[in-house]
Full PDB file with SEQRES, HELIX, SHEET, SSBOND, CRYST1, ORIGX, SCALE, CONECT and MASTER records, all heavy atoms in Angstrom:
SEQRES   1 A   43  GLY LEU ALA SER PHE LEU PRO THR LEU SER SER ILE LEU          
SEQRES   2 A   43  ARG ARG LYS ILE TRP ASP MET ASP LEU GLU ALA THR TRP          
SEQRES   3 A   43  THR SER VAL LEU PRO GLU PHE GLY LEU ASN GLU SER ASP          
SEQRES   4 A   43  THR LYS ALA LEU                                              
HELIX    1 AA1 ALA A    3  PHE A    5  5                                   3    
HELIX    2 AA2 LEU A    9  ARG A   15  1                                   7    
HELIX    3 AA3 MET A   20  GLU A   32  1                                  13    
HELIX    4 AA4 GLU A   37  ALA A   42  1                                   6    
CRYST1    1.000    1.000    1.000  90.00  90.00  90.00 P 1           1          
ORIGX1      1.000000  0.000000  0.000000        0.00000                         
ORIGX2      0.000000  1.000000  0.000000        0.00000                         
ORIGX3      0.000000  0.000000  1.000000        0.00000                         
SCALE1      1.000000  0.000000  0.000000        0.00000                         
SCALE2      0.000000  1.000000  0.000000        0.00000                         
SCALE3      0.000000  0.000000  1.000000        0.00000                         
ATOM      1  N   GLY A   1       0.740  -1.206   0.024  1.00  0.00           N  
ATOM      2  CA  GLY A   1       0.002   0.004  -0.050  1.00  0.00           C  
ATOM      3  C   GLY A   1       0.874   1.269   0.028  1.00  0.00           C  
ATOM      4  O   GLY A   1       0.353   2.310  -0.310  1.00  0.00           O  
ATOM      5  N   LEU A   2       2.142   1.154   0.374  1.00  0.00           N  
ATOM      6  CA  LEU A   2       3.004   2.326   0.393  1.00  0.00           C  
ATOM      7  C   LEU A   2       3.963   2.422  -0.823  1.00  0.00           C  
ATOM      8  O   LEU A   2       4.768   3.340  -0.926  1.00  0.00           O  
ATOM      9  CB  LEU A   2       3.875   2.264   1.675  1.00  0.00           C  
ATOM     10  CG  LEU A   2       3.146   2.353   3.005  1.00  0.00           C  
ATOM     11  CD1 LEU A   2       4.173   2.206   4.107  1.00  0.00           C  
ATOM     12  CD2 LEU A   2       2.380   3.629   3.108  1.00  0.00           C  
ATOM     13  N   ALA A   3       3.617   1.572  -1.846  1.00  0.00           N  
ATOM     14  CA  ALA A   3       4.515   1.513  -3.034  1.00  0.00           C  
ATOM     15  C   ALA A   3       4.719   2.895  -3.678  1.00  0.00           C  
ATOM     16  O   ALA A   3       5.818   3.307  -4.047  1.00  0.00           O  
ATOM     17  CB  ALA A   3       4.109   0.507  -4.006  1.00  0.00           C  
ATOM     18  N   SER A   4       3.570   3.603  -3.845  1.00  0.00           N  
ATOM     19  CA  SER A   4       3.633   4.918  -4.527  1.00  0.00           C  
ATOM     20  C   SER A   4       4.391   5.941  -3.634  1.00  0.00           C  
ATOM     21  O   SER A   4       4.838   6.992  -4.241  1.00  0.00           O  
ATOM     22  CB  SER A   4       2.266   5.426  -4.873  1.00  0.00           C  
ATOM     23  OG  SER A   4       1.480   5.588  -3.651  1.00  0.00           O  
ATOM     24  N   PHE A   5       4.491   5.770  -2.361  1.00  0.00           N  
ATOM     25  CA  PHE A   5       5.090   6.708  -1.535  1.00  0.00           C  
ATOM     26  C   PHE A   5       6.604   6.411  -1.273  1.00  0.00           C  
ATOM     27  O   PHE A   5       7.387   7.201  -0.681  1.00  0.00           O  
ATOM     28  CB  PHE A   5       4.471   6.769  -0.171  1.00  0.00           C  
ATOM     29  CG  PHE A   5       3.069   7.182  -0.224  1.00  0.00           C  
ATOM     30  CD1 PHE A   5       2.053   6.252  -0.082  1.00  0.00           C  
ATOM     31  CD2 PHE A   5       2.679   8.453  -0.454  1.00  0.00           C  
ATOM     32  CE1 PHE A   5       0.663   6.528  -0.165  1.00  0.00           C  
ATOM     33  CE2 PHE A   5       1.297   8.888  -0.447  1.00  0.00           C  
ATOM     34  CZ  PHE A   5       0.332   7.869  -0.339  1.00  0.00           C  
ATOM     35  N   LEU A   6       7.045   5.181  -1.704  1.00  0.00           N  
ATOM     36  CA  LEU A   6       8.357   4.671  -1.442  1.00  0.00           C  
ATOM     37  C   LEU A   6       9.065   4.292  -2.761  1.00  0.00           C  
ATOM     38  O   LEU A   6       9.334   3.123  -2.991  1.00  0.00           O  
ATOM     39  CB  LEU A   6       8.339   3.558  -0.545  1.00  0.00           C  
ATOM     40  CG  LEU A   6       7.631   3.742   0.839  1.00  0.00           C  
ATOM     41  CD1 LEU A   6       7.430   2.466   1.612  1.00  0.00           C  
ATOM     42  CD2 LEU A   6       8.374   4.809   1.711  1.00  0.00           C  
ATOM     43  N   PRO A   7       9.286   5.309  -3.558  1.00  0.00           N  
ATOM     44  CA  PRO A   7       9.956   4.919  -4.929  1.00  0.00           C  
ATOM     45  C   PRO A   7      11.440   4.442  -4.807  1.00  0.00           C  
ATOM     46  O   PRO A   7      11.939   3.831  -5.708  1.00  0.00           O  
ATOM     47  CB  PRO A   7       9.838   6.242  -5.697  1.00  0.00           C  
ATOM     48  CG  PRO A   7       9.818   7.323  -4.636  1.00  0.00           C  
ATOM     49  CD  PRO A   7       9.092   6.684  -3.460  1.00  0.00           C  
ATOM     50  N   THR A   8      12.170   4.768  -3.661  1.00  0.00           N  
ATOM     51  CA  THR A   8      13.540   4.474  -3.613  1.00  0.00           C  
ATOM     52  C   THR A   8      13.806   3.974  -2.141  1.00  0.00           C  
ATOM     53  O   THR A   8      12.938   4.169  -1.245  1.00  0.00           O  
ATOM     54  CB  THR A   8      14.424   5.728  -3.808  1.00  0.00           C  
ATOM     55  OG1 THR A   8      14.089   6.742  -2.803  1.00  0.00           O  
ATOM     56  CG2 THR A   8      14.205   6.286  -5.204  1.00  0.00           C  
ATOM     57  N   LEU A   9      14.927   3.413  -1.969  1.00  0.00           N  
ATOM     58  CA  LEU A   9      15.334   2.973  -0.607  1.00  0.00           C  
ATOM     59  C   LEU A   9      15.450   4.196   0.353  1.00  0.00           C  
ATOM     60  O   LEU A   9      15.118   4.083   1.466  1.00  0.00           O  
ATOM     61  CB  LEU A   9      16.655   2.162  -0.698  1.00  0.00           C  
ATOM     62  CG  LEU A   9      17.067   1.654   0.695  1.00  0.00           C  
ATOM     63  CD1 LEU A   9      16.142   0.533   1.258  1.00  0.00           C  
ATOM     64  CD2 LEU A   9      18.533   1.036   0.617  1.00  0.00           C  
ATOM     65  N   SER A  10      16.012   5.260  -0.230  1.00  0.00           N  
ATOM     66  CA  SER A  10      16.238   6.443   0.589  1.00  0.00           C  
ATOM     67  C   SER A  10      14.835   6.962   1.179  1.00  0.00           C  
ATOM     68  O   SER A  10      14.776   7.524   2.336  1.00  0.00           O  
ATOM     69  CB  SER A  10      16.893   7.578  -0.154  1.00  0.00           C  
ATOM     70  OG  SER A  10      16.191   8.020  -1.227  1.00  0.00           O  
ATOM     71  N   SER A  11      13.775   6.872   0.387  1.00  0.00           N  
ATOM     72  CA  SER A  11      12.505   7.225   0.862  1.00  0.00           C  
ATOM     73  C   SER A  11      11.962   6.438   2.042  1.00  0.00           C  
ATOM     74  O   SER A  11      11.290   6.901   2.995  1.00  0.00           O  
ATOM     75  CB  SER A  11      11.468   7.242  -0.307  1.00  0.00           C  
ATOM     76  OG  SER A  11      11.356   5.906  -0.757  1.00  0.00           O  
ATOM     77  N   ILE A  12      12.385   5.119   1.957  1.00  0.00           N  
ATOM     78  CA  ILE A  12      12.071   4.254   3.145  1.00  0.00           C  
ATOM     79  C   ILE A  12      12.808   4.643   4.352  1.00  0.00           C  
ATOM     80  O   ILE A  12      12.215   4.772   5.400  1.00  0.00           O  
ATOM     81  CB  ILE A  12      12.383   2.778   2.727  1.00  0.00           C  
ATOM     82  CG1 ILE A  12      11.499   2.242   1.644  1.00  0.00           C  
ATOM     83  CG2 ILE A  12      12.330   1.828   3.986  1.00  0.00           C  
ATOM     84  CD1 ILE A  12      11.837   0.825   1.150  1.00  0.00           C  
ATOM     85  N   LEU A  13      14.117   4.938   4.153  1.00  0.00           N  
ATOM     86  CA  LEU A  13      14.974   5.320   5.262  1.00  0.00           C  
ATOM     87  C   LEU A  13      14.414   6.619   5.986  1.00  0.00           C  
ATOM     88  O   LEU A  13      14.512   6.821   7.208  1.00  0.00           O  
ATOM     89  CB  LEU A  13      16.381   5.452   4.838  1.00  0.00           C  
ATOM     90  CG  LEU A  13      16.997   4.190   4.378  1.00  0.00           C  
ATOM     91  CD1 LEU A  13      18.462   4.478   3.901  1.00  0.00           C  
ATOM     92  CD2 LEU A  13      17.027   3.063   5.415  1.00  0.00           C  
ATOM     93  N   ARG A  14      13.964   7.557   5.124  1.00  0.00           N  
ATOM     94  CA  ARG A  14      13.404   8.822   5.673  1.00  0.00           C  
ATOM     95  C   ARG A  14      12.094   8.636   6.367  1.00  0.00           C  
ATOM     96  O   ARG A  14      11.902   9.160   7.491  1.00  0.00           O  
ATOM     97  CB  ARG A  14      13.258   9.851   4.504  1.00  0.00           C  
ATOM     98  CG  ARG A  14      14.630  10.350   4.019  1.00  0.00           C  
ATOM     99  CD  ARG A  14      14.363  11.659   3.129  1.00  0.00           C  
ATOM    100  NE  ARG A  14      13.465  11.347   2.006  1.00  0.00           N  
ATOM    101  CZ  ARG A  14      13.905  10.960   0.870  1.00  0.00           C  
ATOM    102  NH1 ARG A  14      15.214  10.746   0.591  1.00  0.00           N  
ATOM    103  NH2 ARG A  14      13.022  10.693  -0.152  1.00  0.00           N  
ATOM    104  N   ARG A  15      11.210   7.847   5.738  1.00  0.00           N  
ATOM    105  CA  ARG A  15       9.884   7.721   6.335  1.00  0.00           C  
ATOM    106  C   ARG A  15       9.836   6.896   7.589  1.00  0.00           C  
ATOM    107  O   ARG A  15       9.028   7.093   8.426  1.00  0.00           O  
ATOM    108  CB  ARG A  15       8.931   7.097   5.153  1.00  0.00           C  
ATOM    109  CG  ARG A  15       7.475   7.029   5.625  1.00  0.00           C  
ATOM    110  CD  ARG A  15       6.575   6.448   4.563  1.00  0.00           C  
ATOM    111  NE  ARG A  15       5.238   6.297   4.962  1.00  0.00           N  
ATOM    112  CZ  ARG A  15       4.223   7.058   4.507  1.00  0.00           C  
ATOM    113  NH1 ARG A  15       4.424   8.033   3.602  1.00  0.00           N  
ATOM    114  NH2 ARG A  15       2.984   6.866   4.966  1.00  0.00           N  
ATOM    115  N   LYS A  16      10.680   5.845   7.679  1.00  0.00           N  
ATOM    116  CA  LYS A  16      10.660   4.919   8.786  1.00  0.00           C  
ATOM    117  C   LYS A  16      10.995   5.651  10.083  1.00  0.00           C  
ATOM    118  O   LYS A  16      10.686   5.126  11.166  1.00  0.00           O  
ATOM    119  CB  LYS A  16      11.525   3.745   8.543  1.00  0.00           C  
ATOM    120  CG  LYS A  16      13.076   4.076   8.737  1.00  0.00           C  
ATOM    121  CD  LYS A  16      13.893   2.829   8.553  1.00  0.00           C  
ATOM    122  CE  LYS A  16      15.388   3.062   8.793  1.00  0.00           C  
ATOM    123  NZ  LYS A  16      15.701   3.302  10.191  1.00  0.00           N  
ATOM    124  N   ILE A  17      11.526   6.844  10.088  1.00  0.00           N  
ATOM    125  CA  ILE A  17      11.897   7.614  11.285  1.00  0.00           C  
ATOM    126  C   ILE A  17      10.597   7.898  12.008  1.00  0.00           C  
ATOM    127  O   ILE A  17      10.618   7.879  13.294  1.00  0.00           O  
ATOM    128  CB  ILE A  17      12.680   8.855  10.849  1.00  0.00           C  
ATOM    129  CG1 ILE A  17      14.057   8.489  10.292  1.00  0.00           C  
ATOM    130  CG2 ILE A  17      12.903   9.736  12.124  1.00  0.00           C  
ATOM    131  CD1 ILE A  17      14.798   9.728   9.737  1.00  0.00           C  
ATOM    132  N   TRP A  18       9.518   8.252  11.259  1.00  0.00           N  
ATOM    133  CA  TRP A  18       8.300   8.598  11.972  1.00  0.00           C  
ATOM    134  C   TRP A  18       7.199   7.668  11.743  1.00  0.00           C  
ATOM    135  O   TRP A  18       6.212   7.698  12.490  1.00  0.00           O  
ATOM    136  CB  TRP A  18       7.864  10.045  11.536  1.00  0.00           C  
ATOM    137  CG  TRP A  18       7.702  10.192  10.062  1.00  0.00           C  
ATOM    138  CD1 TRP A  18       8.646  10.574   9.171  1.00  0.00           C  
ATOM    139  CD2 TRP A  18       6.465   9.925   9.333  1.00  0.00           C  
ATOM    140  NE1 TRP A  18       8.149  10.640   7.909  1.00  0.00           N  
ATOM    141  CE2 TRP A  18       6.757  10.200   7.899  1.00  0.00           C  
ATOM    142  CE3 TRP A  18       5.191   9.449   9.588  1.00  0.00           C  
ATOM    143  CZ2 TRP A  18       5.854  10.042   6.850  1.00  0.00           C  
ATOM    144  CZ3 TRP A  18       4.262   9.313   8.575  1.00  0.00           C  
ATOM    145  CH2 TRP A  18       4.668   9.627   7.227  1.00  0.00           C  
ATOM    146  N   ASP A  19       7.340   6.737  10.806  1.00  0.00           N  
ATOM    147  CA  ASP A  19       6.264   5.727  10.546  1.00  0.00           C  
ATOM    148  C   ASP A  19       6.671   4.372  11.253  1.00  0.00           C  
ATOM    149  O   ASP A  19       7.597   3.703  10.867  1.00  0.00           O  
ATOM    150  CB  ASP A  19       6.181   5.498   9.037  1.00  0.00           C  
ATOM    151  CG  ASP A  19       4.990   4.568   8.590  1.00  0.00           C  
ATOM    152  OD1 ASP A  19       4.595   3.675   9.479  1.00  0.00           O  
ATOM    153  OD2 ASP A  19       4.515   4.751   7.485  1.00  0.00           O  
ATOM    154  N   MET A  20       6.068   4.128  12.465  1.00  0.00           N  
ATOM    155  CA  MET A  20       6.384   2.994  13.242  1.00  0.00           C  
ATOM    156  C   MET A  20       6.107   1.671  12.545  1.00  0.00           C  
ATOM    157  O   MET A  20       6.870   0.779  12.740  1.00  0.00           O  
ATOM    158  CB  MET A  20       5.575   3.114  14.534  1.00  0.00           C  
ATOM    159  CG  MET A  20       5.825   4.312  15.347  1.00  0.00           C  
ATOM    160  SD  MET A  20       7.599   4.627  15.669  1.00  0.00           S  
ATOM    161  CE  MET A  20       8.006   3.251  16.698  1.00  0.00           C  
ATOM    162  N   ASP A  21       5.018   1.543  11.770  1.00  0.00           N  
ATOM    163  CA  ASP A  21       4.811   0.313  10.995  1.00  0.00           C  
ATOM    164  C   ASP A  21       5.829   0.045   9.950  1.00  0.00           C  
ATOM    165  O   ASP A  21       6.297  -1.095   9.837  1.00  0.00           O  
ATOM    166  CB  ASP A  21       3.421   0.422  10.230  1.00  0.00           C  
ATOM    167  CG  ASP A  21       2.282   0.413  11.248  1.00  0.00           C  
ATOM    168  OD1 ASP A  21       2.457  -0.125  12.415  1.00  0.00           O  
ATOM    169  OD2 ASP A  21       1.143   0.873  10.886  1.00  0.00           O  
ATOM    170  N   LEU A  22       6.296   1.111   9.248  1.00  0.00           N  
ATOM    171  CA  LEU A  22       7.347   0.901   8.275  1.00  0.00           C  
ATOM    172  C   LEU A  22       8.687   0.519   9.020  1.00  0.00           C  
ATOM    173  O   LEU A  22       9.483  -0.292   8.547  1.00  0.00           O  
ATOM    174  CB  LEU A  22       7.526   2.204   7.504  1.00  0.00           C  
ATOM    175  CG  LEU A  22       8.549   2.130   6.312  1.00  0.00           C  
ATOM    176  CD1 LEU A  22       8.199   1.066   5.369  1.00  0.00           C  
ATOM    177  CD2 LEU A  22       8.666   3.454   5.608  1.00  0.00           C  
ATOM    178  N   GLU A  23       8.935   1.185  10.172  1.00  0.00           N  
ATOM    179  CA  GLU A  23      10.142   0.865  10.917  1.00  0.00           C  
ATOM    180  C   GLU A  23      10.113  -0.616  11.295  1.00  0.00           C  
ATOM    181  O   GLU A  23      11.142  -1.258  11.230  1.00  0.00           O  
ATOM    182  CB  GLU A  23      10.115   1.742  12.185  1.00  0.00           C  
ATOM    183  CG  GLU A  23      11.141   1.376  13.263  1.00  0.00           C  
ATOM    184  CD  GLU A  23      12.610   1.542  12.713  1.00  0.00           C  
ATOM    185  OE1 GLU A  23      12.785   2.331  11.848  1.00  0.00           O  
ATOM    186  OE2 GLU A  23      13.467   0.937  13.304  1.00  0.00           O  
ATOM    187  N   ALA A  24       8.958  -1.110  11.752  1.00  0.00           N  
ATOM    188  CA  ALA A  24       8.818  -2.560  12.156  1.00  0.00           C  
ATOM    189  C   ALA A  24       9.103  -3.499  10.922  1.00  0.00           C  
ATOM    190  O   ALA A  24       9.742  -4.489  11.047  1.00  0.00           O  
ATOM    191  CB  ALA A  24       7.522  -2.772  12.811  1.00  0.00           C  
ATOM    192  N   THR A  25       8.538  -3.030   9.766  1.00  0.00           N  
ATOM    193  CA  THR A  25       8.767  -3.802   8.577  1.00  0.00           C  
ATOM    194  C   THR A  25      10.227  -3.872   8.197  1.00  0.00           C  
ATOM    195  O   THR A  25      10.820  -4.903   7.862  1.00  0.00           O  
ATOM    196  CB  THR A  25       7.971  -3.255   7.420  1.00  0.00           C  
ATOM    197  OG1 THR A  25       6.533  -3.322   7.724  1.00  0.00           O  
ATOM    198  CG2 THR A  25       8.156  -4.061   6.157  1.00  0.00           C  
ATOM    199  N   TRP A  26      10.883  -2.658   8.285  1.00  0.00           N  
ATOM    200  CA  TRP A  26      12.282  -2.558   7.892  1.00  0.00           C  
ATOM    201  C   TRP A  26      13.176  -3.454   8.833  1.00  0.00           C  
ATOM    202  O   TRP A  26      14.073  -4.177   8.381  1.00  0.00           O  
ATOM    203  CB  TRP A  26      12.702  -1.082   8.044  1.00  0.00           C  
ATOM    204  CG  TRP A  26      14.152  -0.861   7.883  1.00  0.00           C  
ATOM    205  CD1 TRP A  26      15.063  -0.524   8.852  1.00  0.00           C  
ATOM    206  CD2 TRP A  26      14.900  -0.884   6.651  1.00  0.00           C  
ATOM    207  NE1 TRP A  26      16.248  -0.346   8.338  1.00  0.00           N  
ATOM    208  CE2 TRP A  26      16.273  -0.598   6.991  1.00  0.00           C  
ATOM    209  CE3 TRP A  26      14.665  -1.143   5.330  1.00  0.00           C  
ATOM    210  CZ2 TRP A  26      17.309  -0.542   6.111  1.00  0.00           C  
ATOM    211  CZ3 TRP A  26      15.623  -1.049   4.395  1.00  0.00           C  
ATOM    212  CH2 TRP A  26      16.932  -0.736   4.711  1.00  0.00           C  
ATOM    213  N   THR A  27      12.789  -3.350  10.138  1.00  0.00           N  
ATOM    214  CA  THR A  27      13.573  -4.122  11.137  1.00  0.00           C  
ATOM    215  C   THR A  27      13.380  -5.654  10.882  1.00  0.00           C  
ATOM    216  O   THR A  27      14.319  -6.412  11.145  1.00  0.00           O  
ATOM    217  CB  THR A  27      13.065  -3.777  12.531  1.00  0.00           C  
ATOM    218  OG1 THR A  27      13.244  -2.439  12.750  1.00  0.00           O  
ATOM    219  CG2 THR A  27      13.855  -4.539  13.623  1.00  0.00           C  
ATOM    220  N   SER A  28      12.183  -6.058  10.434  1.00  0.00           N  
ATOM    221  CA  SER A  28      11.996  -7.507  10.146  1.00  0.00           C  
ATOM    222  C   SER A  28      12.679  -7.955   8.827  1.00  0.00           C  
ATOM    223  O   SER A  28      12.907  -9.189   8.691  1.00  0.00           O  
ATOM    224  CB  SER A  28      10.480  -7.766  10.117  1.00  0.00           C  
ATOM    225  OG  SER A  28       9.875  -7.251   8.929  1.00  0.00           O  
ATOM    226  N   VAL A  29      12.832  -7.049   7.940  1.00  0.00           N  
ATOM    227  CA  VAL A  29      13.402  -7.473   6.621  1.00  0.00           C  
ATOM    228  C   VAL A  29      15.021  -7.615   6.681  1.00  0.00           C  
ATOM    229  O   VAL A  29      15.529  -8.578   6.086  1.00  0.00           O  
ATOM    230  CB  VAL A  29      13.136  -6.345   5.572  1.00  0.00           C  
ATOM    231  CG1 VAL A  29      14.044  -6.449   4.346  1.00  0.00           C  
ATOM    232  CG2 VAL A  29      11.612  -6.435   5.193  1.00  0.00           C  
ATOM    233  N   LEU A  30      15.642  -6.793   7.480  1.00  0.00           N  
ATOM    234  CA  LEU A  30      17.123  -6.867   7.579  1.00  0.00           C  
ATOM    235  C   LEU A  30      17.653  -8.269   7.943  1.00  0.00           C  
ATOM    236  O   LEU A  30      18.627  -8.751   7.252  1.00  0.00           O  
ATOM    237  CB  LEU A  30      17.660  -5.820   8.626  1.00  0.00           C  
ATOM    238  CG  LEU A  30      17.432  -4.364   8.256  1.00  0.00           C  
ATOM    239  CD1 LEU A  30      17.992  -3.488   9.360  1.00  0.00           C  
ATOM    240  CD2 LEU A  30      18.087  -4.019   6.915  1.00  0.00           C  
ATOM    241  N   PRO A  31      17.145  -8.941   8.966  1.00  0.00           N  
ATOM    242  CA  PRO A  31      17.635 -10.240   9.309  1.00  0.00           C  
ATOM    243  C   PRO A  31      17.496 -11.266   8.084  1.00  0.00           C  
ATOM    244  O   PRO A  31      18.185 -12.255   8.052  1.00  0.00           O  
ATOM    245  CB  PRO A  31      16.886 -10.693  10.479  1.00  0.00           C  
ATOM    246  CG  PRO A  31      16.392  -9.515  11.091  1.00  0.00           C  
ATOM    247  CD  PRO A  31      16.121  -8.564   9.939  1.00  0.00           C  
ATOM    248  N   GLU A  32      16.512 -11.054   7.268  1.00  0.00           N  
ATOM    249  CA  GLU A  32      16.334 -11.996   6.111  1.00  0.00           C  
ATOM    250  C   GLU A  32      17.518 -12.017   5.203  1.00  0.00           C  
ATOM    251  O   GLU A  32      17.819 -13.039   4.510  1.00  0.00           O  
ATOM    252  CB  GLU A  32      15.068 -11.650   5.361  1.00  0.00           C  
ATOM    253  CG  GLU A  32      13.749 -11.727   6.079  1.00  0.00           C  
ATOM    254  CD  GLU A  32      12.602 -11.304   5.206  1.00  0.00           C  
ATOM    255  OE1 GLU A  32      12.734 -11.197   4.011  1.00  0.00           O  
ATOM    256  OE2 GLU A  32      11.516 -11.124   5.777  1.00  0.00           O  
ATOM    257  N   PHE A  33      18.295 -10.927   5.218  1.00  0.00           N  
ATOM    258  CA  PHE A  33      19.453 -10.857   4.384  1.00  0.00           C  
ATOM    259  C   PHE A  33      20.729 -10.883   5.237  1.00  0.00           C  
ATOM    260  O   PHE A  33      21.864 -10.665   4.763  1.00  0.00           O  
ATOM    261  CB  PHE A  33      19.447  -9.493   3.616  1.00  0.00           C  
ATOM    262  CG  PHE A  33      18.314  -9.375   2.659  1.00  0.00           C  
ATOM    263  CD1 PHE A  33      17.099  -8.875   3.006  1.00  0.00           C  
ATOM    264  CD2 PHE A  33      18.522  -9.831   1.369  1.00  0.00           C  
ATOM    265  CE1 PHE A  33      16.093  -8.792   2.111  1.00  0.00           C  
ATOM    266  CE2 PHE A  33      17.453  -9.807   0.396  1.00  0.00           C  
ATOM    267  CZ  PHE A  33      16.234  -9.289   0.830  1.00  0.00           C  
ATOM    268  N   GLY A  34      20.578 -11.212   6.504  1.00  0.00           N  
ATOM    269  CA  GLY A  34      21.744 -11.284   7.450  1.00  0.00           C  
ATOM    270  C   GLY A  34      22.379 -10.034   7.740  1.00  0.00           C  
ATOM    271  O   GLY A  34      23.600  -9.917   8.008  1.00  0.00           O  
ATOM    272  N   LEU A  35      21.594  -8.939   7.785  1.00  0.00           N  
ATOM    273  CA  LEU A  35      22.038  -7.566   7.992  1.00  0.00           C  
ATOM    274  C   LEU A  35      21.476  -6.880   9.314  1.00  0.00           C  
ATOM    275  O   LEU A  35      20.451  -7.469   9.719  1.00  0.00           O  
ATOM    276  CB  LEU A  35      21.724  -6.648   6.871  1.00  0.00           C  
ATOM    277  CG  LEU A  35      22.352  -7.089   5.504  1.00  0.00           C  
ATOM    278  CD1 LEU A  35      21.775  -6.211   4.365  1.00  0.00           C  
ATOM    279  CD2 LEU A  35      23.882  -7.009   5.489  1.00  0.00           C  
ATOM    280  N   ASN A  36      22.062  -5.881   9.761  1.00  0.00           N  
ATOM    281  CA  ASN A  36      21.537  -5.115  10.816  1.00  0.00           C  
ATOM    282  C   ASN A  36      21.632  -3.617  10.472  1.00  0.00           C  
ATOM    283  O   ASN A  36      22.099  -3.303   9.400  1.00  0.00           O  
ATOM    284  CB  ASN A  36      22.179  -5.363  12.181  1.00  0.00           C  
ATOM    285  CG  ASN A  36      23.704  -5.128  12.145  1.00  0.00           C  
ATOM    286  OD1 ASN A  36      24.145  -4.144  11.528  1.00  0.00           O  
ATOM    287  ND2 ASN A  36      24.482  -5.961  12.712  1.00  0.00           N  
ATOM    288  N   GLU A  37      21.124  -2.774  11.328  1.00  0.00           N  
ATOM    289  CA  GLU A  37      21.053  -1.305  11.012  1.00  0.00           C  
ATOM    290  C   GLU A  37      22.446  -0.738  10.700  1.00  0.00           C  
ATOM    291  O   GLU A  37      22.591   0.061   9.787  1.00  0.00           O  
ATOM    292  CB  GLU A  37      20.374  -0.557  12.133  1.00  0.00           C  
ATOM    293  CG  GLU A  37      19.996   0.875  11.841  1.00  0.00           C  
ATOM    294  CD  GLU A  37      18.821   0.966  10.835  1.00  0.00           C  
ATOM    295  OE1 GLU A  37      17.951   0.069  10.904  1.00  0.00           O  
ATOM    296  OE2 GLU A  37      18.866   1.806   9.993  1.00  0.00           O  
ATOM    297  N   SER A  38      23.430  -1.144  11.486  1.00  0.00           N  
ATOM    298  CA  SER A  38      24.797  -0.650  11.272  1.00  0.00           C  
ATOM    299  C   SER A  38      25.338  -1.052   9.937  1.00  0.00           C  
ATOM    300  O   SER A  38      26.047  -0.319   9.225  1.00  0.00           O  
ATOM    301  CB  SER A  38      25.752  -1.110  12.352  1.00  0.00           C  
ATOM    302  OG  SER A  38      25.393  -0.663  13.616  1.00  0.00           O  
ATOM    303  N   ASP A  39      25.044  -2.319   9.492  1.00  0.00           N  
ATOM    304  CA  ASP A  39      25.382  -2.814   8.192  1.00  0.00           C  
ATOM    305  C   ASP A  39      24.851  -1.907   7.073  1.00  0.00           C  
ATOM    306  O   ASP A  39      25.602  -1.572   6.107  1.00  0.00           O  
ATOM    307  CB  ASP A  39      24.976  -4.250   7.989  1.00  0.00           C  
ATOM    308  CG  ASP A  39      25.683  -5.207   8.963  1.00  0.00           C  
ATOM    309  OD1 ASP A  39      26.735  -4.859   9.503  1.00  0.00           O  
ATOM    310  OD2 ASP A  39      25.080  -6.252   9.264  1.00  0.00           O  
ATOM    311  N   THR A  40      23.557  -1.643   7.171  1.00  0.00           N  
ATOM    312  CA  THR A  40      22.936  -0.840   6.023  1.00  0.00           C  
ATOM    313  C   THR A  40      23.481   0.584   6.015  1.00  0.00           C  
ATOM    314  O   THR A  40      23.679   1.103   4.992  1.00  0.00           O  
ATOM    315  CB  THR A  40      21.431  -0.764   6.309  1.00  0.00           C  
ATOM    316  OG1 THR A  40      21.152  -0.234   7.486  1.00  0.00           O  
ATOM    317  CG2 THR A  40      20.783  -2.128   6.137  1.00  0.00           C  
ATOM    318  N   LYS A  41      23.840   1.114   7.219  1.00  0.00           N  
ATOM    319  CA  LYS A  41      24.452   2.456   7.155  1.00  0.00           C  
ATOM    320  C   LYS A  41      25.868   2.420   6.502  1.00  0.00           C  
ATOM    321  O   LYS A  41      26.125   3.362   5.656  1.00  0.00           O  
ATOM    322  CB  LYS A  41      24.604   3.004   8.589  1.00  0.00           C  
ATOM    323  CG  LYS A  41      23.325   3.381   9.257  1.00  0.00           C  
ATOM    324  CD  LYS A  41      23.527   3.859  10.705  1.00  0.00           C  
ATOM    325  CE  LYS A  41      22.217   4.336  11.330  1.00  0.00           C  
ATOM    326  NZ  LYS A  41      22.323   4.747  12.690  1.00  0.00           N  
ATOM    327  N   ALA A  42      26.563   1.361   6.690  1.00  0.00           N  
ATOM    328  CA  ALA A  42      27.890   1.218   6.050  1.00  0.00           C  
ATOM    329  C   ALA A  42      27.703   1.091   4.558  1.00  0.00           C  
ATOM    330  O   ALA A  42      28.431   1.608   3.794  1.00  0.00           O  
ATOM    331  CB  ALA A  42      28.630   0.074   6.651  1.00  0.00           C  
ATOM    332  N   LEU A  43      26.740   0.233   4.105  1.00  0.00           N  
ATOM    333  CA  LEU A  43      26.487   0.046   2.709  1.00  0.00           C  
ATOM    334  C   LEU A  43      26.061   1.338   2.018  1.00  0.00           C  
ATOM    335  O   LEU A  43      26.506   1.567   0.890  1.00  0.00           O  
ATOM    336  CB  LEU A  43      25.471  -1.073   2.550  1.00  0.00           C  
ATOM    337  CG  LEU A  43      25.904  -2.512   3.000  1.00  0.00           C  
ATOM    338  CD1 LEU A  43      24.781  -3.458   2.904  1.00  0.00           C  
ATOM    339  CD2 LEU A  43      27.173  -2.966   2.285  1.00  0.00           C  
TER     340      LEU A  43                                                      
MASTER        0    0    0    4    0    0    0    6  339    1    0    4          
END                                                                             
């Protein structure tokens, strides 16, 4: 449902700061790729 509001990864990173549902989704996705928040910042 947020596809039109999230055209890029940077838009996800900006929106998740205040969107708690998106933050929870982002947090659940990272382990699927073996990553954490510090890893994504480095990448």
